[in-house]
C-alpha cells in the first residue's frame, strides 16, 4: 500500500522477534 511501511525486529533466520508495526 502506498505510504505504509512495516517496522520489524529480525533474527538471523529472518524471523521477527516482535510484532510488526504498520506505520504511515
PDBML (XML) file of the C-alpha atoms, coordinates in Angstrom:
<?xml version="1.0" encoding="UTF-8" ?>
<PDBx:datablock datablockName="MODEL"
   xmlns:PDBx="http://pdbml.pdb.org/schema/pdbx-v50.xsd"
   xmlns:xsi="http://www.w3.org/2001/XMLSchema-instance"
   xsi:schemaLocation="http://pdbml.pdb.org/schema/pdbx-v50.xsd pdbx-v50.xsd">
   <PDBx:atom_siteCategory>
      <PDBx:atom_site id="1">
         <PDBx:B_iso_or_equiv>0.00</PDBx:B_iso_or_equiv>
         <PDBx:Cartn_x>0.000</PDBx:Cartn_x>
         <PDBx:Cartn_y>0.000</PDBx:Cartn_y>
         <PDBx:Cartn_z>0.000</PDBx:Cartn_z>
         <PDBx:auth_asym_id>A</PDBx:auth_asym_id>
         <PDBx:auth_atom_id>CA</PDBx:auth_atom_id>
         <PDBx:auth_comp_id>UNK</PDBx:auth_comp_id>
         <PDBx:auth_seq_id>1</PDBx:auth_seq_id>
         <PDBx:group_PDB>ATOM</PDBx:group_PDB>
         <PDBx:label_alt_id xsi:nil="true" />
         <PDBx:label_asym_id>A</PDBx:label_asym_id>
         <PDBx:label_atom_id>CA</PDBx:label_atom_id>
         <PDBx:label_comp_id>UNK</PDBx:label_comp_id>
         <PDBx:label_entity_id>1</PDBx:label_entity_id>
         <PDBx:label_seq_id>1</PDBx:label_seq_id>
         <PDBx:occupancy>1.00</PDBx:occupancy>
         <PDBx:pdbx_PDB_model_num>1</PDBx:pdbx_PDB_model_num>
         <PDBx:type_symbol>C</PDBx:type_symbol>
      </PDBx:atom_site>
      <PDBx:atom_site id="2">
         <PDBx:B_iso_or_equiv>0.00</PDBx:B_iso_or_equiv>
         <PDBx:Cartn_x>1.298</PDBx:Cartn_x>
         <PDBx:Cartn_y>3.497</PDBx:Cartn_y>
         <PDBx:Cartn_z>-0.767</PDBx:Cartn_z>
         <PDBx:auth_asym_id>A</PDBx:auth_asym_id>
         <PDBx:auth_atom_id>CA</PDBx:auth_atom_id>
         <PDBx:auth_comp_id>UNK</PDBx:auth_comp_id>
         <PDBx:auth_seq_id>2</PDBx:auth_seq_id>
         <PDBx:group_PDB>ATOM</PDBx:group_PDB>
         <PDBx:label_alt_id xsi:nil="true" />
         <PDBx:label_asym_id>A</PDBx:label_asym_id>
         <PDBx:label_atom_id>CA</PDBx:label_atom_id>
         <PDBx:label_comp_id>UNK</PDBx:label_comp_id>
         <PDBx:label_entity_id>1</PDBx:label_entity_id>
         <PDBx:label_seq_id>2</PDBx:label_seq_id>
         <PDBx:occupancy>1.00</PDBx:occupancy>
         <PDBx:pdbx_PDB_model_num>1</PDBx:pdbx_PDB_model_num>
         <PDBx:type_symbol>C</PDBx:type_symbol>
      </PDBx:atom_site>
      <PDBx:atom_site id="3">
         <PDBx:B_iso_or_equiv>0.00</PDBx:B_iso_or_equiv>
         <PDBx:Cartn_x>2.870</PDBx:Cartn_x>
         <PDBx:Cartn_y>5.348</PDBx:Cartn_y>
         <PDBx:Cartn_z>2.165</PDBx:Cartn_z>
         <PDBx:auth_asym_id>A</PDBx:auth_asym_id>
         <PDBx:auth_atom_id>CA</PDBx:auth_atom_id>
         <PDBx:auth_comp_id>UNK</PDBx:auth_comp_id>
         <PDBx:auth_seq_id>3</PDBx:auth_seq_id>
         <PDBx:group_PDB>ATOM</PDBx:group_PDB>
         <PDBx:label_alt_id xsi:nil="true" />
         <PDBx:label_asym_id>A</PDBx:label_asym_id>
         <PDBx:label_atom_id>CA</PDBx:label_atom_id>
         <PDBx:label_comp_id>UNK</PDBx:label_comp_id>
         <PDBx:label_entity_id>1</PDBx:label_entity_id>
         <PDBx:label_seq_id>3</PDBx:label_seq_id>
         <PDBx:occupancy>1.00</PDBx:occupancy>
         <PDBx:pdbx_PDB_model_num>1</PDBx:pdbx_PDB_model_num>
         <PDBx:type_symbol>C</PDBx:type_symbol>
      </PDBx:atom_site>
      <PDBx:atom_site id="4">
         <PDBx:B_iso_or_equiv>0.00</PDBx:B_iso_or_equiv>
         <PDBx:Cartn_x>2.583</PDBx:Cartn_x>
         <PDBx:Cartn_y>2.343</PDBx:Cartn_y>
         <PDBx:Cartn_z>4.521</PDBx:Cartn_z>
         <PDBx:auth_asym_id>A</PDBx:auth_asym_id>
         <PDBx:auth_atom_id>CA</PDBx:auth_atom_id>
         <PDBx:auth_comp_id>UNK</PDBx:auth_comp_id>
         <PDBx:auth_seq_id>4</PDBx:auth_seq_id>
         <PDBx:group_PDB>ATOM</PDBx:group_PDB>
         <PDBx:label_alt_id xsi:nil="true" />
         <PDBx:label_asym_id>A</PDBx:label_asym_id>
         <PDBx:label_atom_id>CA</PDBx:label_atom_id>
         <PDBx:label_comp_id>UNK</PDBx:label_comp_id>
         <PDBx:label_entity_id>1</PDBx:label_entity_id>
         <PDBx:label_seq_id>4</PDBx:label_seq_id>
         <PDBx:occupancy>1.00</PDBx:occupancy>
         <PDBx:pdbx_PDB_model_num>1</PDBx:pdbx_PDB_model_num>
         <PDBx:type_symbol>C</PDBx:type_symbol>
      </PDBx:atom_site>
      <PDBx:atom_site id="5">
         <PDBx:B_iso_or_equiv>0.00</PDBx:B_iso_or_equiv>
         <PDBx:Cartn_x>5.715</PDBx:Cartn_x>
         <PDBx:Cartn_y>0.764</PDBx:Cartn_y>
         <PDBx:Cartn_z>5.975</PDBx:Cartn_z>
         <PDBx:auth_asym_id>A</PDBx:auth_asym_id>
         <PDBx:auth_atom_id>CA</PDBx:auth_atom_id>
         <PDBx:auth_comp_id>UNK</PDBx:auth_comp_id>
         <PDBx:auth_seq_id>5</PDBx:auth_seq_id>
         <PDBx:group_PDB>ATOM</PDBx:group_PDB>
         <PDBx:label_alt_id xsi:nil="true" />
         <PDBx:label_asym_id>A</PDBx:label_asym_id>
         <PDBx:label_atom_id>CA</PDBx:label_atom_id>
         <PDBx:label_comp_id>UNK</PDBx:label_comp_id>
         <PDBx:label_entity_id>1</PDBx:label_entity_id>
         <PDBx:label_seq_id>5</PDBx:label_seq_id>
         <PDBx:occupancy>1.00</PDBx:occupancy>
         <PDBx:pdbx_PDB_model_num>1</PDBx:pdbx_PDB_model_num>
         <PDBx:type_symbol>C</PDBx:type_symbol>
      </PDBx:atom_site>
      <PDBx:atom_site id="6">
         <PDBx:B_iso_or_equiv>0.00</PDBx:B_iso_or_equiv>
         <PDBx:Cartn_x>6.457</PDBx:Cartn_x>
         <PDBx:Cartn_y>-2.183</PDBx:Cartn_y>
         <PDBx:Cartn_z>8.251</PDBx:Cartn_z>
         <PDBx:auth_asym_id>A</PDBx:auth_asym_id>
         <PDBx:auth_atom_id>CA</PDBx:auth_atom_id>
         <PDBx:auth_comp_id>UNK</PDBx:auth_comp_id>
         <PDBx:auth_seq_id>6</PDBx:auth_seq_id>
         <PDBx:group_PDB>ATOM</PDBx:group_PDB>
         <PDBx:label_alt_id xsi:nil="true" />
         <PDBx:label_asym_id>A</PDBx:label_asym_id>
         <PDBx:label_atom_id>CA</PDBx:label_atom_id>
         <PDBx:label_comp_id>UNK</PDBx:label_comp_id>
         <PDBx:label_entity_id>1</PDBx:label_entity_id>
         <PDBx:label_seq_id>6</PDBx:label_seq_id>
         <PDBx:occupancy>1.00</PDBx:occupancy>
         <PDBx:pdbx_PDB_model_num>1</PDBx:pdbx_PDB_model_num>
         <PDBx:type_symbol>C</PDBx:type_symbol>
      </PDBx:atom_site>
      <PDBx:atom_site id="7">
         <PDBx:B_iso_or_equiv>0.00</PDBx:B_iso_or_equiv>
         <PDBx:Cartn_x>8.950</PDBx:Cartn_x>
         <PDBx:Cartn_y>-1.982</PDBx:Cartn_y>
         <PDBx:Cartn_z>11.114</PDBx:Cartn_z>
         <PDBx:auth_asym_id>A</PDBx:auth_asym_id>
         <PDBx:auth_atom_id>CA</PDBx:auth_atom_id>
         <PDBx:auth_comp_id>UNK</PDBx:auth_comp_id>
         <PDBx:auth_seq_id>7</PDBx:auth_seq_id>
         <PDBx:group_PDB>ATOM</PDBx:group_PDB>
         <PDBx:label_alt_id xsi:nil="true" />
         <PDBx:label_asym_id>A</PDBx:label_asym_id>
         <PDBx:label_atom_id>CA</PDBx:label_atom_id>
         <PDBx:label_comp_id>UNK</PDBx:label_comp_id>
         <PDBx:label_entity_id>1</PDBx:label_entity_id>
         <PDBx:label_seq_id>7</PDBx:label_seq_id>
         <PDBx:occupancy>1.00</PDBx:occupancy>
         <PDBx:pdbx_PDB_model_num>1</PDBx:pdbx_PDB_model_num>
         <PDBx:type_symbol>C</PDBx:type_symbol>
      </PDBx:atom_site>
      <PDBx:atom_site id="8">
         <PDBx:B_iso_or_equiv>0.00</PDBx:B_iso_or_equiv>
         <PDBx:Cartn_x>10.305</PDBx:Cartn_x>
         <PDBx:Cartn_y>-5.261</PDBx:Cartn_y>
         <PDBx:Cartn_z>12.453</PDBx:Cartn_z>
         <PDBx:auth_asym_id>A</PDBx:auth_asym_id>
         <PDBx:auth_atom_id>CA</PDBx:auth_atom_id>
         <PDBx:auth_comp_id>UNK</PDBx:auth_comp_id>
         <PDBx:auth_seq_id>8</PDBx:auth_seq_id>
         <PDBx:group_PDB>ATOM</PDBx:group_PDB>
         <PDBx:label_alt_id xsi:nil="true" />
         <PDBx:label_asym_id>A</PDBx:label_asym_id>
         <PDBx:label_atom_id>CA</PDBx:label_atom_id>
         <PDBx:label_comp_id>UNK</PDBx:label_comp_id>
         <PDBx:label_entity_id>1</PDBx:label_entity_id>
         <PDBx:label_seq_id>8</PDBx:label_seq_id>
         <PDBx:occupancy>1.00</PDBx:occupancy>
         <PDBx:pdbx_PDB_model_num>1</PDBx:pdbx_PDB_model_num>
         <PDBx:type_symbol>C</PDBx:type_symbol>
      </PDBx:atom_site>
      <PDBx:atom_site id="9">
         <PDBx:B_iso_or_equiv>0.00</PDBx:B_iso_or_equiv>
         <PDBx:Cartn_x>13.000</PDBx:Cartn_x>
         <PDBx:Cartn_y>-6.737</PDBx:Cartn_y>
         <PDBx:Cartn_z>14.649</PDBx:Cartn_z>
         <PDBx:auth_asym_id>A</PDBx:auth_asym_id>
         <PDBx:auth_atom_id>CA</PDBx:auth_atom_id>
         <PDBx:auth_comp_id>UNK</PDBx:auth_comp_id>
         <PDBx:auth_seq_id>9</PDBx:auth_seq_id>
         <PDBx:group_PDB>ATOM</PDBx:group_PDB>
         <PDBx:label_alt_id xsi:nil="true" />
         <PDBx:label_asym_id>A</PDBx:label_asym_id>
         <PDBx:label_atom_id>CA</PDBx:label_atom_id>
         <PDBx:label_comp_id>UNK</PDBx:label_comp_id>
         <PDBx:label_entity_id>1</PDBx:label_entity_id>
         <PDBx:label_seq_id>9</PDBx:label_seq_id>
         <PDBx:occupancy>1.00</PDBx:occupancy>
         <PDBx:pdbx_PDB_model_num>1</PDBx:pdbx_PDB_model_num>
         <PDBx:type_symbol>C</PDBx:type_symbol>
      </PDBx:atom_site>
      <PDBx:atom_site id="10">
         <PDBx:B_iso_or_equiv>0.00</PDBx:B_iso_or_equiv>
         <PDBx:Cartn_x>14.627</PDBx:Cartn_x>
         <PDBx:Cartn_y>-9.734</PDBx:Cartn_y>
         <PDBx:Cartn_z>12.988</PDBx:Cartn_z>
         <PDBx:auth_asym_id>A</PDBx:auth_asym_id>
         <PDBx:auth_atom_id>CA</PDBx:auth_atom_id>
         <PDBx:auth_comp_id>UNK</PDBx:auth_comp_id>
         <PDBx:auth_seq_id>10</PDBx:auth_seq_id>
         <PDBx:group_PDB>ATOM</PDBx:group_PDB>
         <PDBx:label_alt_id xsi:nil="true" />
         <PDBx:label_asym_id>A</PDBx:label_asym_id>
         <PDBx:label_atom_id>CA</PDBx:label_atom_id>
         <PDBx:label_comp_id>UNK</PDBx:label_comp_id>
         <PDBx:label_entity_id>1</PDBx:label_entity_id>
         <PDBx:label_seq_id>10</PDBx:label_seq_id>
         <PDBx:occupancy>1.00</PDBx:occupancy>
         <PDBx:pdbx_PDB_model_num>1</PDBx:pdbx_PDB_model_num>
         <PDBx:type_symbol>C</PDBx:type_symbol>
      </PDBx:atom_site>
      <PDBx:atom_site id="11">
         <PDBx:B_iso_or_equiv>0.00</PDBx:B_iso_or_equiv>
         <PDBx:Cartn_x>16.932</PDBx:Cartn_x>
         <PDBx:Cartn_y>-12.571</PDBx:Cartn_y>
         <PDBx:Cartn_z>13.994</PDBx:Cartn_z>
         <PDBx:auth_asym_id>A</PDBx:auth_asym_id>
         <PDBx:auth_atom_id>CA</PDBx:auth_atom_id>
         <PDBx:auth_comp_id>UNK</PDBx:auth_comp_id>
         <PDBx:auth_seq_id>11</PDBx:auth_seq_id>
         <PDBx:group_PDB>ATOM</PDBx:group_PDB>
         <PDBx:label_alt_id xsi:nil="true" />
         <PDBx:label_asym_id>A</PDBx:label_asym_id>
         <PDBx:label_atom_id>CA</PDBx:label_atom_id>
         <PDBx:label_comp_id>UNK</PDBx:label_comp_id>
         <PDBx:label_entity_id>1</PDBx:label_entity_id>
         <PDBx:label_seq_id>11</PDBx:label_seq_id>
         <PDBx:occupancy>1.00</PDBx:occupancy>
         <PDBx:pdbx_PDB_model_num>1</PDBx:pdbx_PDB_model_num>
         <PDBx:type_symbol>C</PDBx:type_symbol>
      </PDBx:atom_site>
      <PDBx:atom_site id="12">
         <PDBx:B_iso_or_equiv>0.00</PDBx:B_iso_or_equiv>
         <PDBx:Cartn_x>19.427</PDBx:Cartn_x>
         <PDBx:Cartn_y>-14.230</PDBx:Cartn_y>
         <PDBx:Cartn_z>11.708</PDBx:Cartn_z>
         <PDBx:auth_asym_id>A</PDBx:auth_asym_id>
         <PDBx:auth_atom_id>CA</PDBx:auth_atom_id>
         <PDBx:auth_comp_id>UNK</PDBx:auth_comp_id>
         <PDBx:auth_seq_id>12</PDBx:auth_seq_id>
         <PDBx:group_PDB>ATOM</PDBx:group_PDB>
         <PDBx:label_alt_id xsi:nil="true" />
         <PDBx:label_asym_id>A</PDBx:label_asym_id>
         <PDBx:label_atom_id>CA</PDBx:label_atom_id>
         <PDBx:label_comp_id>UNK</PDBx:label_comp_id>
         <PDBx:label_entity_id>1</PDBx:label_entity_id>
         <PDBx:label_seq_id>12</PDBx:label_seq_id>
         <PDBx:occupancy>1.00</PDBx:occupancy>
         <PDBx:pdbx_PDB_model_num>1</PDBx:pdbx_PDB_model_num>
         <PDBx:type_symbol>C</PDBx:type_symbol>
      </PDBx:atom_site>
      <PDBx:atom_site id="13">
         <PDBx:B_iso_or_equiv>0.00</PDBx:B_iso_or_equiv>
         <PDBx:Cartn_x>16.859</PDBx:Cartn_x>
         <PDBx:Cartn_y>-16.612</PDBx:Cartn_y>
         <PDBx:Cartn_z>10.224</PDBx:Cartn_z>
         <PDBx:auth_asym_id>A</PDBx:auth_asym_id>
         <PDBx:auth_atom_id>CA</PDBx:auth_atom_id>
         <PDBx:auth_comp_id>UNK</PDBx:auth_comp_id>
         <PDBx:auth_seq_id>13</PDBx:auth_seq_id>
         <PDBx:group_PDB>ATOM</PDBx:group_PDB>
         <PDBx:label_alt_id xsi:nil="true" />
         <PDBx:label_asym_id>A</PDBx:label_asym_id>
         <PDBx:label_atom_id>CA</PDBx:label_atom_id>
         <PDBx:label_comp_id>UNK</PDBx:label_comp_id>
         <PDBx:label_entity_id>1</PDBx:label_entity_id>
         <PDBx:label_seq_id>13</PDBx:label_seq_id>
         <PDBx:occupancy>1.00</PDBx:occupancy>
         <PDBx:pdbx_PDB_model_num>1</PDBx:pdbx_PDB_model_num>
         <PDBx:type_symbol>C</PDBx:type_symbol>
      </PDBx:atom_site>
      <PDBx:atom_site id="14">
         <PDBx:B_iso_or_equiv>0.00</PDBx:B_iso_or_equiv>
         <PDBx:Cartn_x>14.774</PDBx:Cartn_x>
         <PDBx:Cartn_y>-13.619</PDBx:Cartn_y>
         <PDBx:Cartn_z>9.146</PDBx:Cartn_z>
         <PDBx:auth_asym_id>A</PDBx:auth_asym_id>
         <PDBx:auth_atom_id>CA</PDBx:auth_atom_id>
         <PDBx:auth_comp_id>UNK</PDBx:auth_comp_id>
         <PDBx:auth_seq_id>14</PDBx:auth_seq_id>
         <PDBx:group_PDB>ATOM</PDBx:group_PDB>
         <PDBx:label_alt_id xsi:nil="true" />
         <PDBx:label_asym_id>A</PDBx:label_asym_id>
         <PDBx:label_atom_id>CA</PDBx:label_atom_id>
         <PDBx:label_comp_id>UNK</PDBx:label_comp_id>
         <PDBx:label_entity_id>1</PDBx:label_entity_id>
         <PDBx:label_seq_id>14</PDBx:label_seq_id>
         <PDBx:occupancy>1.00</PDBx:occupancy>
         <PDBx:pdbx_PDB_model_num>1</PDBx:pdbx_PDB_model_num>
         <PDBx:type_symbol>C</PDBx:type_symbol>
      </PDBx:atom_site>
      <PDBx:atom_site id="15">
         <PDBx:B_iso_or_equiv>0.00</PDBx:B_iso_or_equiv>
         <PDBx:Cartn_x>12.112</PDBx:Cartn_x>
         <PDBx:Cartn_y>-14.357</PDBx:Cartn_y>
         <PDBx:Cartn_z>11.736</PDBx:Cartn_z>
         <PDBx:auth_asym_id>A</PDBx:auth_asym_id>
         <PDBx:auth_atom_id>CA</PDBx:auth_atom_id>
         <PDBx:auth_comp_id>UNK</PDBx:auth_comp_id>
         <PDBx:auth_seq_id>15</PDBx:auth_seq_id>
         <PDBx:group_PDB>ATOM</PDBx:group_PDB>
         <PDBx:label_alt_id xsi:nil="true" />
         <PDBx:label_asym_id>A</PDBx:label_asym_id>
         <PDBx:label_atom_id>CA</PDBx:label_atom_id>
         <PDBx:label_comp_id>UNK</PDBx:label_comp_id>
         <PDBx:label_entity_id>1</PDBx:label_entity_id>
         <PDBx:label_seq_id>15</PDBx:label_seq_id>
         <PDBx:occupancy>1.00</PDBx:occupancy>
         <PDBx:pdbx_PDB_model_num>1</PDBx:pdbx_PDB_model_num>
         <PDBx:type_symbol>C</PDBx:type_symbol>
      </PDBx:atom_site>
      <PDBx:atom_site id="16">
         <PDBx:B_iso_or_equiv>0.00</PDBx:B_iso_or_equiv>
         <PDBx:Cartn_x>10.511</PDBx:Cartn_x>
         <PDBx:Cartn_y>-11.499</PDBx:Cartn_y>
         <PDBx:Cartn_z>13.605</PDBx:Cartn_z>
         <PDBx:auth_asym_id>A</PDBx:auth_asym_id>
         <PDBx:auth_atom_id>CA</PDBx:auth_atom_id>
         <PDBx:auth_comp_id>UNK</PDBx:auth_comp_id>
         <PDBx:auth_seq_id>16</PDBx:auth_seq_id>
         <PDBx:group_PDB>ATOM</PDBx:group_PDB>
         <PDBx:label_alt_id xsi:nil="true" />
         <PDBx:label_asym_id>A</PDBx:label_asym_id>
         <PDBx:label_atom_id>CA</PDBx:label_atom_id>
         <PDBx:label_comp_id>UNK</PDBx:label_comp_id>
         <PDBx:label_entity_id>1</PDBx:label_entity_id>
         <PDBx:label_seq_id>16</PDBx:label_seq_id>
         <PDBx:occupancy>1.00</PDBx:occupancy>
         <PDBx:pdbx_PDB_model_num>1</PDBx:pdbx_PDB_model_num>
         <PDBx:type_symbol>C</PDBx:type_symbol>
      </PDBx:atom_site>
      <PDBx:atom_site id="17">
         <PDBx:B_iso_or_equiv>0.00</PDBx:B_iso_or_equiv>
         <PDBx:Cartn_x>11.111</PDBx:Cartn_x>
         <PDBx:Cartn_y>-11.354</PDBx:Cartn_y>
         <PDBx:Cartn_z>17.354</PDBx:Cartn_z>
         <PDBx:auth_asym_id>A</PDBx:auth_asym_id>
         <PDBx:auth_atom_id>CA</PDBx:auth_atom_id>
         <PDBx:auth_comp_id>UNK</PDBx:auth_comp_id>
         <PDBx:auth_seq_id>17</PDBx:auth_seq_id>
         <PDBx:group_PDB>ATOM</PDBx:group_PDB>
         <PDBx:label_alt_id xsi:nil="true" />
         <PDBx:label_asym_id>A</PDBx:label_asym_id>
         <PDBx:label_atom_id>CA</PDBx:label_atom_id>
         <PDBx:label_comp_id>UNK</PDBx:label_comp_id>
         <PDBx:label_entity_id>1</PDBx:label_entity_id>
         <PDBx:label_seq_id>17</PDBx:label_seq_id>
         <PDBx:occupancy>1.00</PDBx:occupancy>
         <PDBx:pdbx_PDB_model_num>1</PDBx:pdbx_PDB_model_num>
         <PDBx:type_symbol>C</PDBx:type_symbol>
      </PDBx:atom_site>
      <PDBx:atom_site id="18">
         <PDBx:B_iso_or_equiv>0.00</PDBx:B_iso_or_equiv>
         <PDBx:Cartn_x>8.478</PDBx:Cartn_x>
         <PDBx:Cartn_y>-8.679</PDBx:Cartn_y>
         <PDBx:Cartn_z>17.914</PDBx:Cartn_z>
         <PDBx:auth_asym_id>A</PDBx:auth_asym_id>
         <PDBx:auth_atom_id>CA</PDBx:auth_atom_id>
         <PDBx:auth_comp_id>UNK</PDBx:auth_comp_id>
         <PDBx:auth_seq_id>18</PDBx:auth_seq_id>
         <PDBx:group_PDB>ATOM</PDBx:group_PDB>
         <PDBx:label_alt_id xsi:nil="true" />
         <PDBx:label_asym_id>A</PDBx:label_asym_id>
         <PDBx:label_atom_id>CA</PDBx:label_atom_id>
         <PDBx:label_comp_id>UNK</PDBx:label_comp_id>
         <PDBx:label_entity_id>1</PDBx:label_entity_id>
         <PDBx:label_seq_id>18</PDBx:label_seq_id>
         <PDBx:occupancy>1.00</PDBx:occupancy>
         <PDBx:pdbx_PDB_model_num>1</PDBx:pdbx_PDB_model_num>
         <PDBx:type_symbol>C</PDBx:type_symbol>
      </PDBx:atom_site>
      <PDBx:atom_site id="19">
         <PDBx:B_iso_or_equiv>0.00</PDBx:B_iso_or_equiv>
         <PDBx:Cartn_x>5.187</PDBx:Cartn_x>
         <PDBx:Cartn_y>-7.753</PDBx:Cartn_y>
         <PDBx:Cartn_z>16.348</PDBx:Cartn_z>
         <PDBx:auth_asym_id>A</PDBx:auth_asym_id>
         <PDBx:auth_atom_id>CA</PDBx:auth_atom_id>
         <PDBx:auth_comp_id>UNK</PDBx:auth_comp_id>
         <PDBx:auth_seq_id>19</PDBx:auth_seq_id>
         <PDBx:group_PDB>ATOM</PDBx:group_PDB>
         <PDBx:label_alt_id xsi:nil="true" />
         <PDBx:label_asym_id>A</PDBx:label_asym_id>
         <PDBx:label_atom_id>CA</PDBx:label_atom_id>
         <PDBx:label_comp_id>UNK</PDBx:label_comp_id>
         <PDBx:label_entity_id>1</PDBx:label_entity_id>
         <PDBx:label_seq_id>19</PDBx:label_seq_id>
         <PDBx:occupancy>1.00</PDBx:occupancy>
         <PDBx:pdbx_PDB_model_num>1</PDBx:pdbx_PDB_model_num>
         <PDBx:type_symbol>C</PDBx:type_symbol>
      </PDBx:atom_site>
      <PDBx:atom_site id="20">
         <PDBx:B_iso_or_equiv>0.00</PDBx:B_iso_or_equiv>
         <PDBx:Cartn_x>5.466</PDBx:Cartn_x>
         <PDBx:Cartn_y>-5.950</PDBx:Cartn_y>
         <PDBx:Cartn_z>13.100</PDBx:Cartn_z>
         <PDBx:auth_asym_id>A</PDBx:auth_asym_id>
         <PDBx:auth_atom_id>CA</PDBx:auth_atom_id>
         <PDBx:auth_comp_id>UNK</PDBx:auth_comp_id>
         <PDBx:auth_seq_id>20</PDBx:auth_seq_id>
         <PDBx:group_PDB>ATOM</PDBx:group_PDB>
         <PDBx:label_alt_id xsi:nil="true" />
         <PDBx:label_asym_id>A</PDBx:label_asym_id>
         <PDBx:label_atom_id>CA</PDBx:label_atom_id>
         <PDBx:label_comp_id>UNK</PDBx:label_comp_id>
         <PDBx:label_entity_id>1</PDBx:label_entity_id>
         <PDBx:label_seq_id>20</PDBx:label_seq_id>
         <PDBx:occupancy>1.00</PDBx:occupancy>
         <PDBx:pdbx_PDB_model_num>1</PDBx:pdbx_PDB_model_num>
         <PDBx:type_symbol>C</PDBx:type_symbol>
      </PDBx:atom_site>
      <PDBx:atom_site id="21">
         <PDBx:B_iso_or_equiv>0.00</PDBx:B_iso_or_equiv>
         <PDBx:Cartn_x>4.252</PDBx:Cartn_x>
         <PDBx:Cartn_y>-2.403</PDBx:Cartn_y>
         <PDBx:Cartn_z>13.078</PDBx:Cartn_z>
         <PDBx:auth_asym_id>A</PDBx:auth_asym_id>
         <PDBx:auth_atom_id>CA</PDBx:auth_atom_id>
         <PDBx:auth_comp_id>UNK</PDBx:auth_comp_id>
         <PDBx:auth_seq_id>21</PDBx:auth_seq_id>
         <PDBx:group_PDB>ATOM</PDBx:group_PDB>
         <PDBx:label_alt_id xsi:nil="true" />
         <PDBx:label_asym_id>A</PDBx:label_asym_id>
         <PDBx:label_atom_id>CA</PDBx:label_atom_id>
         <PDBx:label_comp_id>UNK</PDBx:label_comp_id>
         <PDBx:label_entity_id>1</PDBx:label_entity_id>
         <PDBx:label_seq_id>21</PDBx:label_seq_id>
         <PDBx:occupancy>1.00</PDBx:occupancy>
         <PDBx:pdbx_PDB_model_num>1</PDBx:pdbx_PDB_model_num>
         <PDBx:type_symbol>C</PDBx:type_symbol>
      </PDBx:atom_site>
      <PDBx:atom_site id="22">
         <PDBx:B_iso_or_equiv>0.00</PDBx:B_iso_or_equiv>
         <PDBx:Cartn_x>2.379</PDBx:Cartn_x>
         <PDBx:Cartn_y>-0.833</PDBx:Cartn_y>
         <PDBx:Cartn_z>10.166</PDBx:Cartn_z>
         <PDBx:auth_asym_id>A</PDBx:auth_asym_id>
         <PDBx:auth_atom_id>CA</PDBx:auth_atom_id>
         <PDBx:auth_comp_id>UNK</PDBx:auth_comp_id>
         <PDBx:auth_seq_id>22</PDBx:auth_seq_id>
         <PDBx:group_PDB>ATOM</PDBx:group_PDB>
         <PDBx:label_alt_id xsi:nil="true" />
         <PDBx:label_asym_id>A</PDBx:label_asym_id>
         <PDBx:label_atom_id>CA</PDBx:label_atom_id>
         <PDBx:label_comp_id>UNK</PDBx:label_comp_id>
         <PDBx:label_entity_id>1</PDBx:label_entity_id>
         <PDBx:label_seq_id>22</PDBx:label_seq_id>
         <PDBx:occupancy>1.00</PDBx:occupancy>
         <PDBx:pdbx_PDB_model_num>1</PDBx:pdbx_PDB_model_num>
         <PDBx:type_symbol>C</PDBx:type_symbol>
      </PDBx:atom_site>
      <PDBx:atom_site id="23">
         <PDBx:B_iso_or_equiv>0.00</PDBx:B_iso_or_equiv>
         <PDBx:Cartn_x>3.257</PDBx:Cartn_x>
         <PDBx:Cartn_y>2.836</PDBx:Cartn_y>
         <PDBx:Cartn_z>10.038</PDBx:Cartn_z>
         <PDBx:auth_asym_id>A</PDBx:auth_asym_id>
         <PDBx:auth_atom_id>CA</PDBx:auth_atom_id>
         <PDBx:auth_comp_id>UNK</PDBx:auth_comp_id>
         <PDBx:auth_seq_id>23</PDBx:auth_seq_id>
         <PDBx:group_PDB>ATOM</PDBx:group_PDB>
         <PDBx:label_alt_id xsi:nil="true" />
         <PDBx:label_asym_id>A</PDBx:label_asym_id>
         <PDBx:label_atom_id>CA</PDBx:label_atom_id>
         <PDBx:label_comp_id>UNK</PDBx:label_comp_id>
         <PDBx:label_entity_id>1</PDBx:label_entity_id>
         <PDBx:label_seq_id>23</PDBx:label_seq_id>
         <PDBx:occupancy>1.00</PDBx:occupancy>
         <PDBx:pdbx_PDB_model_num>1</PDBx:pdbx_PDB_model_num>
         <PDBx:type_symbol>C</PDBx:type_symbol>
      </PDBx:atom_site>
      <PDBx:atom_site id="24">
         <PDBx:B_iso_or_equiv>0.00</PDBx:B_iso_or_equiv>
         <PDBx:Cartn_x>2.038</PDBx:Cartn_x>
         <PDBx:Cartn_y>5.520</PDBx:Cartn_y>
         <PDBx:Cartn_z>7.677</PDBx:Cartn_z>
         <PDBx:auth_asym_id>A</PDBx:auth_asym_id>
         <PDBx:auth_atom_id>CA</PDBx:auth_atom_id>
         <PDBx:auth_comp_id>UNK</PDBx:auth_comp_id>
         <PDBx:auth_seq_id>24</PDBx:auth_seq_id>
         <PDBx:group_PDB>ATOM</PDBx:group_PDB>
         <PDBx:label_alt_id xsi:nil="true" />
         <PDBx:label_asym_id>A</PDBx:label_asym_id>
         <PDBx:label_atom_id>CA</PDBx:label_atom_id>
         <PDBx:label_comp_id>UNK</PDBx:label_comp_id>
         <PDBx:label_entity_id>1</PDBx:label_entity_id>
         <PDBx:label_seq_id>24</PDBx:label_seq_id>
         <PDBx:occupancy>1.00</PDBx:occupancy>
         <PDBx:pdbx_PDB_model_num>1</PDBx:pdbx_PDB_model_num>
         <PDBx:type_symbol>C</PDBx:type_symbol>
      </PDBx:atom_site>
   </PDBx:atom_siteCategory>
</PDBx:datablock>
